[in-house]
Amino acid sequence: MTKPPRRLRGSGYGIIRIVLSGIRDYLELIKFEHTIFALPFAYLGMLLAAEGWPSGWQVLWITVAMAAARTVAMGVNRLADRVLDAHNPRTANRPLVTGRISPHTAWTGTIIAALLLAYAAWRLGPMPLRLLPIAMIFLIGYAFTKRFTWLSHYILGFTDGLAPVGAWVAVRGSLFSFSDLPAWLLLGAVTFWIGGFDLIYACQDVEVDRACGLHAIPARFGVRTALRLSAGSHLLTVGFLAAVGAATELTWPYAVGLVVVSALLIVEHLLVSSNDMSHLNTAFFNVNSLISVTLLIGAAVALMLSIH
């Protein structure tokens, strides 16, 4: 077979490189790798609701819904903040600010993700679809809360906490009976976990937030106060997670996982101080990724032992 002319082959490779570069830039825009924070908690809600292993289709569509929901939230957030990001040295290199991603492309990706989320909710059952508008209010609205309230950290946490609640509803089809208490406890745990480490993360933007008139606890009350509130939030997180274990009668593997999670939270707070934020990224990404995965593994093993 005759090979295509070198120029055409080169042109094809160039198109592929452009497409791959665009995908890479878009994934960077929405920080897709940070999905690992909330996805394990969604799986935890799914496993606890099923009291074991759900169906393969439920796992598939819960995963799709989670990824799509996070893409919607991050897409709106980046679009809403692109002017503010340009004034912050830490965020000035984001794709929407530099022009590597156009607002049109960002909107297109966000709308596609929203449609995919709606389809996944429909596939998961009537109740997830009925509750979808409430979830969308938080997924879209969170991006604007720092313009009027310093509680934005906890609103972000609540929004992420909807992940295990949504997974629970997808499996159980209910949310408002006493047997659904574990879903609400998981919502509390994730709200204070995410809110707590978002407080830490916001400590690096104090001056920019003040200059831009944004509402954030570190900017309003100072870094020391923010770190103390973060520690208190994470103490509440451990309390909620312990209550989840008690409510679902999870055995010793979950308890071991919770002990490890508690230790990791302590490490997270030892890594940062009001005078030293040099290890903030390690505390933010590495430690928090271990926390969610460790808890999921502990719960999964406990459920597996109870089944057998």
Protein backbone atom coordinates (compact mmCIF):
# COMPACT_ATOMS: atom_id res chain seq x y z
CA MET A 1 0.00 0.00 0.00
CA THR A 2 1.29 3.45 -0.91
CA LYS A 3 2.19 5.60 2.09
CA PRO A 4 0.60 9.04 2.27
CA PRO A 5 2.86 11.97 1.40
CA ARG A 6 5.14 13.01 4.25
CA ARG A 7 3.47 16.43 4.36
CA LEU A 8 0.02 14.90 4.94
CA ARG A 9 1.36 12.49 7.55
CA GLY A 10 3.07 15.38 9.32
CA SER A 11 -0.12 17.39 9.13
CA GLY A 12 -2.09 14.50 10.70
CA TYR A 13 0.41 14.14 13.50
CA GLY A 14 0.24 17.90 14.06
CA ILE A 15 -3.55 17.75 14.45
CA ILE A 16 -3.23 14.89 16.94
CA ARG A 17 -0.67 16.87 18.93
CA ILE A 18 -2.97 19.91 18.97
CA VAL A 19 -5.92 17.80 20.14
CA LEU A 20 -3.87 16.09 22.85
CA SER A 21 -2.48 19.43 23.96
CA GLY A 22 -6.01 20.84 24.17
CA ILE A 23 -7.18 17.87 26.25
CA ARG A 24 -4.18 18.27 28.56
CA ASP A 25 -4.89 21.99 28.99
CA TYR A 26 -8.57 21.33 29.71
CA LEU A 27 -7.75 18.67 32.32
CA GLU A 28 -5.35 21.15 33.88
CA LEU A 29 -8.09 23.78 33.82
CA ILE A 30 -10.48 21.62 35.87
CA LYS A 31 -7.72 19.96 37.94
CA PHE A 32 -9.13 16.55 37.05
CA GLU A 33 -6.61 14.77 39.27
CA HIS A 34 -8.25 16.32 42.34
CA THR A 35 -11.28 14.09 41.71
CA ILE A 36 -9.50 11.59 43.96
CA PHE A 37 -10.51 13.70 46.98
CA ALA A 38 -14.26 13.18 46.71
CA LEU A 39 -14.60 10.07 44.52
CA PRO A 40 -13.55 7.61 47.26
CA PHE A 41 -16.19 9.15 49.53
CA ALA A 42 -18.79 8.66 46.79
CA TYR A 43 -17.75 5.03 46.58
CA LEU A 44 -17.93 4.81 50.37
CA GLY A 45 -21.52 6.07 50.30
CA MET A 46 -22.27 3.59 47.53
CA LEU A 47 -20.80 0.60 49.42
CA LEU A 48 -22.53 1.48 52.69
CA ALA A 49 -25.88 1.95 50.95
CA ALA A 50 -25.55 -1.42 49.25
CA GLU A 51 -24.21 -3.02 52.46
CA GLY A 52 -21.70 -4.70 50.20
CA TRP A 53 -21.16 -4.54 46.47
CA PRO A 54 -23.59 -2.66 44.20
CA SER A 55 -24.24 -3.57 40.59
CA GLY A 56 -21.66 -2.84 37.91
CA TRP A 57 -24.04 -0.38 36.24
CA GLN A 58 -24.45 1.56 39.48
CA VAL A 59 -20.68 1.79 39.88
CA LEU A 60 -20.33 2.97 36.28
CA TRP A 61 -22.97 5.70 36.41
CA ILE A 62 -21.99 6.90 39.88
CA THR A 63 -18.43 7.30 38.59
CA VAL A 64 -19.64 9.15 35.50
CA ALA A 65 -21.89 11.39 37.60
CA MET A 66 -19.04 12.21 40.00
CA ALA A 67 -16.55 13.10 37.25
CA ALA A 68 -19.17 15.14 35.38
CA ALA A 69 -20.29 16.99 38.53
CA ARG A 70 -16.75 17.96 39.39
CA THR A 71 -16.12 19.12 35.82
CA VAL A 72 -19.21 21.34 35.98
CA ALA A 73 -18.14 22.83 39.32
CA MET A 74 -14.55 23.48 38.28
CA GLY A 75 -15.51 24.76 34.84
CA VAL A 76 -17.90 27.35 36.29
CA ASN A 77 -15.38 28.23 39.00
CA ARG A 78 -12.58 28.88 36.50
CA LEU A 79 -14.86 30.90 34.23
CA ALA A 80 -16.18 32.98 37.12
CA ASP A 81 -12.69 33.62 38.50
CA ARG A 82 -10.66 34.16 35.34
CA VAL A 83 -10.35 37.92 35.89
CA LEU A 84 -9.50 37.45 39.58
CA ASP A 85 -7.00 34.71 38.73
CA ALA A 86 -5.10 37.13 36.52
CA HIS A 87 -4.33 39.28 39.59
CA ASN A 88 -3.01 36.36 41.65
CA PRO A 89 0.59 35.24 40.95
CA ARG A 90 -0.34 31.70 42.06
CA THR A 91 -3.15 31.40 39.49
CA ALA A 92 -1.96 33.73 36.73
CA ASN A 93 -0.72 30.77 34.67
CA ARG A 94 -4.06 28.98 34.50
CA PRO A 95 -5.16 28.08 30.95
CA LEU A 96 -8.10 30.51 30.85
CA VAL A 97 -5.87 33.37 31.98
CA THR A 98 -3.04 32.68 29.53
CA GLY A 99 -5.38 31.95 26.61
CA ARG A 100 -4.42 28.29 26.19
CA ILE A 101 -8.13 27.57 26.71
CA SER A 102 -10.75 29.99 25.39
CA PRO A 103 -13.91 30.85 27.39
CA HIS A 104 -15.94 29.31 24.54
CA THR A 105 -14.11 25.99 24.93
CA ALA A 106 -14.47 26.10 28.70
CA TRP A 107 -18.21 26.77 28.43
CA THR A 108 -18.60 23.97 25.89
CA GLY A 109 -16.85 21.47 28.13
CA THR A 110 -18.88 22.59 31.15
CA ILE A 111 -22.22 22.31 29.33
CA ILE A 112 -21.34 18.86 27.97
CA ALA A 113 -20.42 17.76 31.50
CA ALA A 114 -23.75 19.10 32.82
CA LEU A 115 -25.67 17.14 30.19
CA LEU A 116 -23.66 14.02 31.00
CA LEU A 117 -24.42 14.50 34.70
CA ALA A 118 -28.14 14.78 33.96
CA TYR A 119 -28.01 11.61 31.85
CA ALA A 120 -26.13 9.71 34.57
CA ALA A 121 -28.69 10.87 37.17
CA TRP A 122 -31.50 9.65 34.92
CA ARG A 123 -29.80 6.27 34.53
CA LEU A 124 -29.42 5.98 38.31
CA GLY A 125 -33.13 6.36 39.03
CA PRO A 126 -35.99 8.78 39.65
CA MET A 127 -34.79 10.17 42.97
CA PRO A 128 -31.27 11.11 41.83
CA LEU A 129 -32.86 12.91 38.89
CA ARG A 130 -35.33 14.76 41.15
CA LEU A 131 -32.52 15.87 43.47
CA LEU A 132 -30.24 16.94 40.61
CA PRO A 133 -31.45 20.60 40.52
CA ILE A 134 -30.45 21.02 44.18
CA ALA A 135 -27.00 19.62 43.45
CA MET A 136 -26.65 21.93 40.44
CA ILE A 137 -27.40 24.98 42.58
CA PHE A 138 -24.39 24.17 44.75
CA LEU A 139 -22.14 23.01 41.89
CA ILE A 140 -22.69 26.30 40.07
CA GLY A 141 -23.31 28.63 42.99
CA TYR A 142 -20.23 27.77 45.04
CA ALA A 143 -17.97 29.67 42.63
CA PHE A 144 -19.63 32.97 43.60
CA THR A 145 -19.93 32.56 47.39
CA LYS A 146 -16.52 34.03 48.22
CA ARG A 147 -17.79 37.32 46.85
CA PHE A 148 -20.24 37.72 49.75
CA THR A 149 -19.49 35.25 52.59
CA TRP A 150 -16.42 33.91 54.37
CA LEU A 151 -18.35 30.66 54.89
CA SER A 152 -17.45 29.79 51.29
CA HIS A 153 -14.95 27.20 52.59
CA TYR A 154 -17.72 25.19 54.19
CA ILE A 155 -20.08 25.68 51.26
CA LEU A 156 -17.37 24.06 49.13
CA GLY A 157 -17.18 21.25 51.68
CA PHE A 158 -20.96 20.80 51.61
CA THR A 159 -20.92 20.71 47.82
CA ASP A 160 -18.29 17.95 47.82
CA GLY A 161 -20.23 16.22 50.58
CA LEU A 162 -23.12 15.79 48.17
CA ALA A 163 -21.00 13.11 46.42
CA PRO A 164 -21.53 10.33 49.01
CA VAL A 165 -25.12 11.48 49.52
CA GLY A 166 -25.80 11.22 45.79
CA ALA A 167 -24.19 7.78 45.63
CA TRP A 168 -26.27 6.65 48.61
CA VAL A 169 -29.48 7.84 46.95
CA ALA A 170 -28.49 6.15 43.68
CA VAL A 171 -28.28 2.79 45.46
CA ARG A 172 -31.00 3.09 48.13
CA GLY A 173 -33.45 5.36 46.36
CA SER A 174 -34.15 7.10 49.68
CA LEU A 175 -32.63 9.82 51.86
CA PHE A 176 -35.16 10.95 54.46
CA SER A 177 -35.71 7.91 56.67
CA PHE A 178 -33.80 7.05 59.85
CA SER A 179 -31.99 4.24 58.03
CA ASP A 180 -30.43 6.91 55.79
CA LEU A 181 -28.56 8.47 58.73
CA PRO A 182 -25.11 7.27 57.47
CA ALA A 183 -25.53 9.39 54.33
CA TRP A 184 -26.08 12.53 56.42
CA LEU A 185 -23.13 11.67 58.66
CA LEU A 186 -20.93 11.32 55.57
CA LEU A 187 -22.18 14.70 54.39
CA GLY A 188 -21.07 16.22 57.70
CA ALA A 189 -17.69 14.47 57.56
CA VAL A 190 -16.88 15.66 54.05
CA THR A 191 -18.21 19.18 54.71
CA PHE A 192 -15.78 19.72 57.59
CA TRP A 193 -12.93 17.77 55.98
CA ILE A 194 -12.97 19.75 52.74
CA GLY A 195 -13.83 23.00 54.51
CA GLY A 196 -10.94 22.45 56.90
CA PHE A 197 -8.27 21.93 54.30
CA ASP A 198 -9.70 24.68 52.08
CA LEU A 199 -9.04 26.99 55.02
CA ILE A 200 -5.41 25.89 54.95
CA TYR A 201 -5.21 26.33 51.18
CA ALA A 202 -6.69 29.84 51.36
CA CYS A 203 -3.91 30.95 53.73
CA GLN A 204 -1.58 31.44 50.76
CA ASP A 205 -3.92 33.99 49.13
CA VAL A 206 -4.54 36.32 52.06
CA GLU A 207 -3.10 39.48 50.51
CA VAL A 208 -4.71 38.90 47.10
CA ASP A 209 -8.10 38.14 48.67
CA ARG A 210 -7.94 41.34 50.70
CA ALA A 211 -6.90 43.40 47.68
CA CYS A 212 -9.73 41.96 45.56
CA GLY A 213 -12.31 42.33 48.32
CA LEU A 214 -12.97 38.58 48.49
CA HIS A 215 -14.41 36.92 51.59
CA ALA A 216 -12.21 34.23 53.09
CA ILE A 217 -11.60 33.36 56.72
CA PRO A 218 -7.78 33.76 56.55
CA ALA A 219 -8.17 37.19 54.92
CA ARG A 220 -10.90 38.28 57.34
CA PHE A 221 -9.69 36.82 60.65
CA GLY A 222 -6.02 36.02 60.03
CA VAL A 223 -3.98 32.90 59.31
CA ARG A 224 -3.65 31.76 62.93
CA THR A 225 -7.41 31.81 63.42
CA ALA A 226 -7.93 30.00 60.11
CA LEU A 227 -5.53 27.22 61.09
CA ARG A 228 -7.23 26.80 64.46
CA LEU A 229 -10.64 26.58 62.78
CA SER A 230 -9.20 24.08 60.33
CA ALA A 231 -7.96 21.88 63.19
CA GLY A 232 -11.37 22.10 64.86
CA SER A 233 -13.08 21.22 61.58
CA HIS A 234 -10.93 18.14 61.19
CA LEU A 235 -11.67 17.07 64.75
CA LEU A 236 -15.37 17.22 63.81
CA THR A 237 -14.55 15.20 60.69
CA VAL A 238 -13.15 12.37 62.80
CA GLY A 239 -16.23 12.53 65.02
CA PHE A 240 -18.59 12.24 62.05
CA LEU A 241 -16.57 9.36 60.59
CA ALA A 242 -16.64 7.53 63.92
CA ALA A 243 -20.42 8.00 63.97
CA VAL A 244 -20.61 6.53 60.44
CA GLY A 245 -18.78 3.42 61.66
CA ALA A 246 -21.11 3.08 64.66
CA ALA A 247 -24.29 3.64 62.61
CA THR A 248 -23.29 1.02 60.02
CA GLU A 249 -21.67 -1.39 62.50
CA LEU A 250 -18.43 -1.51 60.54
CA THR A 251 -15.85 -3.75 62.15
CA TRP A 252 -12.17 -3.35 63.05
CA PRO A 253 -10.74 -2.67 59.53
CA TYR A 254 -12.75 0.55 59.40
CA ALA A 255 -11.57 1.46 62.90
CA VAL A 256 -7.96 0.91 61.81
CA GLY A 257 -8.59 3.07 58.75
CA LEU A 258 -10.06 5.81 60.93
CA VAL A 259 -7.02 5.75 63.21
CA VAL A 260 -4.75 6.13 60.17
CA VAL A 261 -6.94 8.97 58.85
CA SER A 262 -6.71 10.73 62.23
CA ALA A 263 -2.92 10.42 62.13
CA LEU A 264 -2.81 11.79 58.59
CA LEU A 265 -4.90 14.79 59.62
CA ILE A 266 -2.43 15.47 62.42
CA VAL A 267 0.45 15.23 59.92
CA GLU A 268 -1.40 17.66 57.63
CA HIS A 269 -1.53 20.26 60.39
CA LEU A 270 2.08 19.67 61.39
CA LEU A 271 3.16 20.41 57.81
CA VAL A 272 1.85 23.97 57.87
CA SER A 273 1.99 26.87 60.29
CA SER A 274 1.25 30.58 60.21
CA ASN A 275 4.98 31.18 59.63
CA ASP A 276 5.69 28.39 57.12
CA MET A 277 3.48 27.44 54.16
CA SER A 278 6.27 25.80 52.15
CA HIS A 279 4.76 22.30 52.57
CA LEU A 280 1.19 23.38 51.82
CA ASN A 281 0.92 21.51 48.51
CA THR A 282 2.08 18.28 50.17
CA ALA A 283 -0.52 18.75 52.91
CA PHE A 284 -3.21 19.65 50.37
CA PHE A 285 -2.80 16.97 47.70
CA ASN A 286 -0.70 14.07 48.97
CA VAL A 287 -2.06 13.77 52.50
CA ASN A 288 -5.70 14.36 51.57
CA SER A 289 -5.54 11.81 48.77
CA LEU A 290 -4.29 9.23 51.27
CA ILE A 291 -7.08 10.13 53.69
CA SER A 292 -9.96 9.41 51.32
CA VAL A 293 -8.41 6.26 49.86
CA THR A 294 -7.46 4.87 53.30
CA LEU A 295 -10.98 5.30 54.63
CA LEU A 296 -12.50 3.65 51.56
CA ILE A 297 -10.18 0.65 51.85
CA GLY A 298 -10.95 0.25 55.56
CA ALA A 299 -14.71 0.33 54.93
CA ALA A 300 -14.49 -2.01 51.93
CA VAL A 301 -12.50 -4.61 53.89
CA ALA A 302 -14.91 -4.35 56.83
CA LEU A 303 -17.88 -4.90 54.53
CA MET A 304 -16.15 -7.80 52.82
CA LEU A 305 -15.52 -9.52 56.16
CA SER A 306 -19.12 -8.98 57.25
CA ILE A 307 -20.42 -10.53 54.03
CA HIS A 308 -18.26 -13.62 54.47
